[in-house]
């Protein structure tokens, strides 16, 4: 019986398949490349979810049309990605046993409460306040926060940080528990930054870091990737990655001096396939990987779901539950995690 031959179209598709498979293999090494030295290659991490999805689609395509040899390459690199990279999508989540000592932490980049009318919805600050009040987390960490009359959360303790250069937004943490210590890390002249609080619960102390790493400056509704803007875009992204590296180095140096149990939350402005993710996560647990499901979407870029906001905890803490929310009051989506400590 004569073997089936590839048509011209399928030969072209197989060539594209090979290119995308090689691109995914390159992605395995990206988290090890320091942005300061490899700024251009650091951009690759933004595309890794696409490479995974496209390779998966090619495997399905070759199966459907009966060309099994052609699927081997994509199948093999997908298997490697399963072993080496965080998943793009999780089929199942889990919920562990709660206790009276459990604490729920929420993080949300509120994008200045729609100050410049990016979203055609009125009173977003009040809507977000109602949402948080309904969910009733014990700790709330917000990024790109600004004070408004309509945003009034009834928490007994909070720590607000606003840049010294009077930027209109900053960071804030609300807590139901007393704040023992608080502080800021790094350069205080930018709305991105890092703050922390230590909270007391019974005889234990928990440190919570709220971070907002330097923005990549990509606006989904306005950014175009044509030749005219590509050079400027690459320069901006490279500069942002280098700033993120400096922020992460500062954060990690501070963490090393802390002996309390630690939770890290916030907007990383980077995917789980980046140097930034690898070097913030380190030996910490990722709430989505532990108990989440689905895409874990916290942001969309050109309709592509991305996970760039995170909740991490050290191994002395148990994750009980992770939740992503689909409310569209910002360019980011909120997420929460419940922990035992």
Protein backbone atom coordinates (compact mmCIF):
# COMPACT_ATOMS: atom_id res chain seq x y z
CA UNK A 1 0.00 0.00 0.00
CA UNK A 2 1.42 3.37 -1.06
CA UNK A 3 2.29 5.79 1.67
CA UNK A 4 0.30 9.00 1.90
CA UNK A 5 2.27 11.99 0.70
CA UNK A 6 2.07 15.48 2.08
CA UNK A 7 0.35 18.02 -0.11
CA UNK A 8 2.06 21.35 -0.76
CA UNK A 9 -0.12 22.95 1.92
CA UNK A 10 0.78 20.29 4.46
CA UNK A 11 4.47 20.62 3.61
CA UNK A 12 4.23 24.33 4.38
CA UNK A 13 2.35 23.58 7.60
CA UNK A 14 4.95 21.02 8.61
CA UNK A 15 7.69 23.60 8.08
CA UNK A 16 5.80 26.03 10.31
CA UNK A 17 5.30 23.19 12.80
CA UNK A 18 9.06 22.63 12.97
CA UNK A 19 9.73 26.34 13.52
CA UNK A 20 7.19 26.59 16.34
CA UNK A 21 8.51 23.39 17.95
CA UNK A 22 12.05 24.77 17.93
CA UNK A 23 10.72 28.06 19.34
CA UNK A 24 9.19 26.14 22.25
CA UNK A 25 12.48 24.35 22.89
CA UNK A 26 14.21 27.74 23.09
CA UNK A 27 11.60 28.74 25.68
CA UNK A 28 12.96 26.08 28.03
CA UNK A 29 16.15 28.12 28.43
CA UNK A 30 14.64 31.63 28.64
CA UNK A 31 14.04 31.63 32.45
CA UNK A 32 17.80 31.16 32.93
CA UNK A 33 18.78 34.21 30.88
CA UNK A 34 19.41 37.37 32.91
CA UNK A 35 17.40 40.27 31.40
CA UNK A 36 20.26 42.74 31.94
CA UNK A 37 22.40 40.73 29.52
CA UNK A 38 19.74 39.14 27.31
CA UNK A 39 16.96 41.74 27.23
CA UNK A 40 15.89 40.86 23.69
CA UNK A 41 15.61 37.14 24.40
CA UNK A 42 13.66 37.85 27.59
CA UNK A 43 10.80 39.00 25.36
CA UNK A 44 10.49 35.38 24.22
CA UNK A 45 8.76 34.41 27.46
CA UNK A 46 5.68 36.43 26.46
CA UNK A 47 5.22 34.14 23.47
CA UNK A 48 5.75 30.81 25.23
CA UNK A 49 2.02 30.17 25.92
CA UNK A 50 1.36 30.68 22.20
CA UNK A 51 4.10 28.21 21.25
CA UNK A 52 2.59 25.59 23.58
CA UNK A 53 -0.94 26.06 22.24
CA UNK A 54 0.15 26.03 18.58
CA UNK A 55 2.19 22.85 19.05
CA UNK A 56 -0.80 21.21 20.69
CA UNK A 57 -2.98 22.24 17.73
CA UNK A 58 -0.47 20.73 15.30
CA UNK A 59 -0.54 17.40 17.17
CA UNK A 60 -4.33 17.31 16.88
CA UNK A 61 -4.18 18.32 13.21
CA UNK A 62 -1.73 15.58 12.20
CA UNK A 63 -3.78 12.98 14.08
CA UNK A 64 -6.99 14.05 12.33
CA UNK A 65 -5.52 13.87 8.83
CA UNK A 66 -3.65 10.62 9.50
CA UNK A 67 0.01 11.73 9.39
CA UNK A 68 1.41 10.28 12.59
CA UNK A 69 5.12 10.78 11.85
CA UNK A 70 4.62 14.53 11.54
CA UNK A 71 3.20 14.81 15.05
CA UNK A 72 6.25 13.25 16.74
CA UNK A 73 8.26 16.48 17.03
CA UNK A 74 5.47 18.55 18.57
CA UNK A 75 4.42 15.68 20.82
CA UNK A 76 7.98 15.30 22.10
CA UNK A 77 8.50 19.03 22.84
CA UNK A 78 5.06 19.21 24.49
CA UNK A 79 6.06 16.31 26.72
CA UNK A 80 9.23 18.19 27.65
CA UNK A 81 7.23 21.36 28.31
CA UNK A 82 4.95 19.39 30.63
CA UNK A 83 8.00 18.28 32.60
CA UNK A 84 9.93 21.57 32.54
CA UNK A 85 7.40 24.42 32.39
CA UNK A 86 4.31 25.49 34.36
CA UNK A 87 1.08 24.47 32.60
CA UNK A 88 -0.83 26.90 30.40
CA UNK A 89 -4.08 25.23 31.44
CA UNK A 90 -5.04 23.06 34.41
CA UNK A 91 -7.94 20.66 34.00
CA UNK A 92 -8.52 20.15 37.69
CA UNK A 93 -8.16 22.23 40.81
CA UNK A 94 -8.29 21.05 44.39
CA UNK A 95 -9.57 22.24 47.74
CA UNK A 96 -7.80 21.15 50.88
CA UNK A 97 -9.26 20.96 54.36
CA UNK A 98 -9.89 24.32 55.98
CA UNK A 99 -9.35 25.20 59.61
CA UNK A 100 -10.31 28.00 61.98
CA UNK A 101 -6.86 29.47 61.37
CA UNK A 102 -7.29 29.83 57.59
CA UNK A 103 -6.71 33.23 55.98
CA UNK A 104 -7.93 34.42 52.57
CA UNK A 105 -5.73 36.84 50.63
CA UNK A 106 -6.83 38.75 47.52
CA UNK A 107 -4.66 40.67 45.04
CA UNK A 108 -5.95 43.00 42.33
CA UNK A 109 -4.43 45.62 40.03
CA UNK A 110 -7.30 48.12 39.92
CA UNK A 111 -5.76 50.37 37.21
CA UNK A 112 -6.43 53.67 38.98
CA UNK A 113 -10.14 52.81 39.20
CA UNK A 114 -10.62 53.59 35.51
CA UNK A 115 -9.52 57.19 36.00
CA UNK A 116 -9.04 57.83 32.29
CA UNK A 117 -12.19 55.94 31.20
CA UNK A 118 -10.48 52.98 29.55
CA UNK A 119 -13.61 50.95 30.28
CA UNK A 120 -17.09 52.23 29.46
CA UNK A 121 -18.49 51.56 32.95
CA UNK A 122 -19.33 54.20 35.54
CA UNK A 123 -18.39 54.15 39.24
CA UNK A 124 -15.84 51.38 38.93
CA UNK A 125 -14.29 52.33 42.27
CA UNK A 126 -17.62 51.71 44.02
CA UNK A 127 -18.16 48.48 42.06
CA UNK A 128 -14.75 47.14 43.07
CA UNK A 129 -15.41 48.09 46.69
CA UNK A 130 -18.72 46.19 46.58
CA UNK A 131 -17.00 43.18 44.99
CA UNK A 132 -14.29 43.05 47.67
CA UNK A 133 -16.83 43.54 50.45
CA UNK A 134 -18.91 40.65 49.10
CA UNK A 135 -15.90 38.31 48.81
CA UNK A 136 -14.73 39.45 52.27
CA UNK A 137 -11.06 38.39 52.15
CA UNK A 138 -8.97 38.79 55.29
CA UNK A 139 -6.16 40.56 53.44
CA UNK A 140 -6.51 42.73 50.31
CA UNK A 141 -3.47 43.87 48.32
CA UNK A 142 -4.11 46.39 45.54
CA UNK A 143 -1.82 47.78 42.87
CA UNK A 144 -2.31 51.04 40.91
CA UNK A 145 -4.53 52.19 43.77
CA UNK A 146 -5.69 55.78 44.20
CA UNK A 147 -7.91 57.19 46.91
CA UNK A 148 -11.47 58.09 45.90
CA UNK A 149 -14.63 59.01 47.80
CA UNK A 150 -16.49 55.97 46.47
CA UNK A 151 -13.88 53.42 47.53
CA UNK A 152 -14.37 52.77 51.21
CA UNK A 153 -13.39 49.39 52.62
CA UNK A 154 -14.18 48.79 56.27
CA UNK A 155 -10.90 47.20 57.32
CA UNK A 156 -9.42 48.18 60.68
CA UNK A 157 -5.81 48.20 59.45
CA UNK A 158 -4.13 49.28 56.24
CA UNK A 159 -0.81 50.47 54.81
CA UNK A 160 -0.87 52.84 51.82
CA UNK A 161 2.12 53.69 49.65
CA UNK A 162 2.12 56.47 47.08
CA UNK A 163 5.17 57.53 45.08
CA UNK A 164 7.09 60.58 46.32
CA UNK A 165 6.79 62.26 42.93
CA UNK A 166 3.00 62.47 43.45
CA UNK A 167 2.15 59.81 40.92
CA UNK A 168 -1.63 59.31 40.99
CA UNK A 169 -1.45 55.68 42.04
CA UNK A 170 0.42 53.36 44.34
CA UNK A 171 0.08 50.27 46.54
CA UNK A 172 -2.15 49.49 49.50
CA UNK A 173 -2.72 46.51 51.79
CA UNK A 174 -5.88 46.16 53.91
CA UNK A 175 -5.91 43.75 56.85
CA UNK A 176 -8.35 42.40 59.41
CA UNK A 177 -5.37 41.64 61.64
CA UNK A 178 -3.09 44.06 63.49
CA UNK A 179 -0.07 45.27 61.53
CA UNK A 180 3.09 44.85 63.60
CA UNK A 181 5.60 46.23 61.10
CA UNK A 182 5.44 47.79 57.64
CA UNK A 183 7.86 49.11 55.07
CA UNK A 184 8.80 49.91 51.48
CA UNK A 185 11.53 48.49 49.26
CA UNK A 186 13.50 50.07 46.46
CA UNK A 187 12.91 53.32 44.58
CA UNK A 188 9.94 55.26 45.98
CA UNK A 189 9.60 57.59 42.99
CA UNK A 190 7.50 55.24 40.86
CA UNK A 191 3.99 53.85 41.15
CA UNK A 192 5.45 50.37 40.66
CA UNK A 193 7.25 49.09 43.72
CA UNK A 194 7.14 46.75 46.72
CA UNK A 195 5.61 47.15 50.16
CA UNK A 196 5.29 44.71 53.04
CA UNK A 197 3.44 44.25 56.31
CA UNK A 198 3.79 41.82 59.21
CA UNK A 199 0.47 40.74 60.69
CA UNK A 200 -0.22 39.05 64.02
CA UNK A 201 -2.59 36.10 64.26
CA UNK A 202 -2.71 34.39 67.64
CA UNK A 203 0.90 33.53 68.45
CA UNK A 204 2.11 33.57 64.86
CA UNK A 205 3.38 36.28 62.52
CA UNK A 206 2.94 36.40 58.77
CA UNK A 207 4.82 38.68 56.40
CA UNK A 208 2.98 39.76 53.26
CA UNK A 209 4.76 41.42 50.35
CA UNK A 210 2.66 43.36 47.82
CA UNK A 211 4.65 43.91 44.63
CA UNK A 212 3.99 45.76 41.39
CA UNK A 213 6.89 45.20 39.03
CA UNK A 214 7.72 47.64 36.26
CA UNK A 215 5.06 47.64 33.55
CA UNK A 216 5.92 46.44 30.06
CA UNK A 217 3.78 49.26 28.70
CA UNK A 218 1.75 47.10 26.31
CA UNK A 219 -1.82 48.37 25.92
CA UNK A 220 -3.88 45.65 24.18
CA UNK A 221 -6.31 48.07 22.54
CA UNK A 222 -3.64 50.45 21.27
CA UNK A 223 -0.39 48.57 20.72
CA UNK A 224 0.43 47.56 17.16
CA UNK A 225 3.35 45.36 16.27
CA UNK A 226 4.07 46.59 12.77
CA UNK A 227 7.52 47.47 11.45
CA UNK A 228 7.14 51.17 12.28
CA UNK A 229 6.77 50.63 16.02
CA UNK A 230 8.72 47.40 16.48
CA UNK A 231 12.12 48.93 17.29
CA UNK A 232 10.64 51.35 19.82
CA UNK A 233 8.58 48.53 21.37
CA UNK A 234 11.59 46.24 21.76
CA UNK A 235 13.65 49.00 23.41
CA UNK A 236 10.85 49.76 25.86
CA UNK A 237 10.32 46.12 26.75
CA UNK A 238 14.04 45.51 27.19
CA UNK A 239 14.29 48.50 29.54
CA UNK A 240 11.28 47.26 31.53
CA UNK A 241 12.74 43.77 31.93
CA UNK A 242 15.97 45.23 33.28
CA UNK A 243 14.05 47.35 35.80
CA UNK A 244 12.10 44.27 36.87
CA UNK A 245 15.39 42.48 37.46
CA UNK A 246 16.56 45.23 39.82
CA UNK A 247 13.25 45.12 41.71
CA UNK A 248 13.42 41.34 42.08
CA UNK A 249 17.01 41.47 43.32
CA UNK A 250 15.93 44.00 45.98
CA UNK A 251 12.95 41.83 47.00
CA UNK A 252 14.99 38.64 47.30
CA UNK A 253 17.67 40.34 49.38
CA UNK A 254 14.96 41.52 51.79
CA UNK A 255 13.29 38.09 51.95
CA UNK A 256 16.57 36.45 52.98
CA UNK A 257 16.57 38.53 56.17
CA UNK A 258 13.02 37.54 57.14
CA UNK A 259 12.36 34.63 59.51
CA UNK A 260 8.56 34.89 59.49
CA UNK A 261 6.30 32.83 57.27
CA UNK A 262 5.98 34.66 53.95
CA UNK A 263 3.31 35.31 51.32
CA UNK A 264 4.11 37.20 48.12
CA UNK A 265 1.26 38.71 46.09
CA UNK A 266 0.97 41.16 43.24
CA UNK A 267 1.35 42.12 39.62
CA UNK A 268 4.55 40.72 38.13
CA UNK A 269 3.87 42.07 34.64
CA UNK A 270 5.42 38.88 33.32
CA UNK A 271 4.44 35.31 32.54
CA UNK A 272 5.26 32.09 34.36
CA UNK A 273 7.85 31.33 31.64
CA UNK A 274 10.13 34.25 32.45
CA UNK A 275 13.29 34.94 34.41
CA UNK A 276 11.16 37.18 36.64
CA UNK A 277 8.80 34.34 37.60
CA UNK A 278 11.59 31.86 38.23
CA UNK A 279 13.48 34.28 40.47
CA UNK A 280 10.50 35.48 42.49
CA UNK A 281 9.01 32.03 42.94
CA UNK A 282 12.29 30.35 43.85
CA UNK A 283 11.27 27.72 46.44
CA UNK A 284 7.87 29.27 47.09
CA UNK A 285 4.58 27.62 46.16
CA UNK A 286 2.37 29.10 43.44
CA UNK A 287 -1.30 29.11 44.54
CA UNK A 288 -2.54 28.44 40.99
CA UNK A 289 -0.25 25.44 40.54
CA UNK A 290 -1.23 24.07 43.95
CA UNK A 291 -5.03 24.42 43.89
CA UNK A 292 -6.09 26.39 40.80
CA UNK A 293 -7.68 25.31 37.53
CA UNK A 294 -8.30 26.60 34.01
CA UNK A 295 -6.03 29.23 32.44
CA UNK A 296 -5.69 31.17 35.68
CA UNK A 297 -6.25 34.31 33.60
CA UNK A 298 -5.37 37.60 35.26
CA UNK A 299 -4.85 39.64 32.06
CA UNK A 300 -5.64 39.49 28.35
CA UNK A 301 -3.37 40.58 25.51
CA UNK A 302 -5.02 40.62 22.09
CA UNK A 303 -7.65 38.20 23.49
CA UNK A 304 -4.95 35.81 24.68
CA UNK A 305 -5.36 34.86 28.38
CA UNK A 306 -2.22 35.51 30.40
CA UNK A 307 -1.26 34.82 33.99
CA UNK A 308 0.85 37.75 35.19
CA UNK A 309 -0.55 38.26 38.73
CA UNK A 310 0.37 35.76 41.43
CA UNK A 311 0.08 34.56 45.00
CA UNK A 312 3.11 32.71 46.38
CA UNK A 313 3.72 31.24 49.83
CA UNK A 314 6.63 29.50 51.49
CA UNK A 315 6.50 25.78 52.20
CA UNK A 316 5.52 26.22 55.84
CA UNK A 317 2.12 27.40 54.57
CA UNK A 318 -0.60 25.17 53.09
CA UNK A 319 -2.78 26.38 50.23
CA UNK A 320 -6.43 25.42 50.67
CA UNK A 321 -8.04 27.06 47.67
CA UNK A 322 -7.25 29.32 44.69
CA UNK A 323 -9.82 31.39 42.82
CA UNK A 324 -9.73 33.55 39.70
CA UNK A 325 -12.49 36.07 39.05
CA UNK A 326 -13.91 37.16 35.69
CA UNK A 327 -15.06 40.67 36.58
CA UNK A 328 -14.04 43.29 34.02
CA UNK A 329 -13.40 46.43 36.08
CA UNK A 330 -9.72 46.79 35.14
CA UNK A 331 -7.26 45.53 32.54
CA UNK A 332 -6.36 42.92 35.17
CA UNK A 333 -8.56 40.32 36.86
CA UNK A 334 -8.48 39.68 40.61
CA UNK A 335 -7.44 36.43 42.25
CA UNK A 336 -7.49 35.08 45.78
CA UNK A 337 -6.07 32.20 47.77
CA UNK A 338 -6.95 30.70 51.13
CA UNK A 339 -4.10 29.45 53.30
CA UNK A 340 -3.49 27.69 56.60
CA UNK A 341 -0.52 28.87 58.63
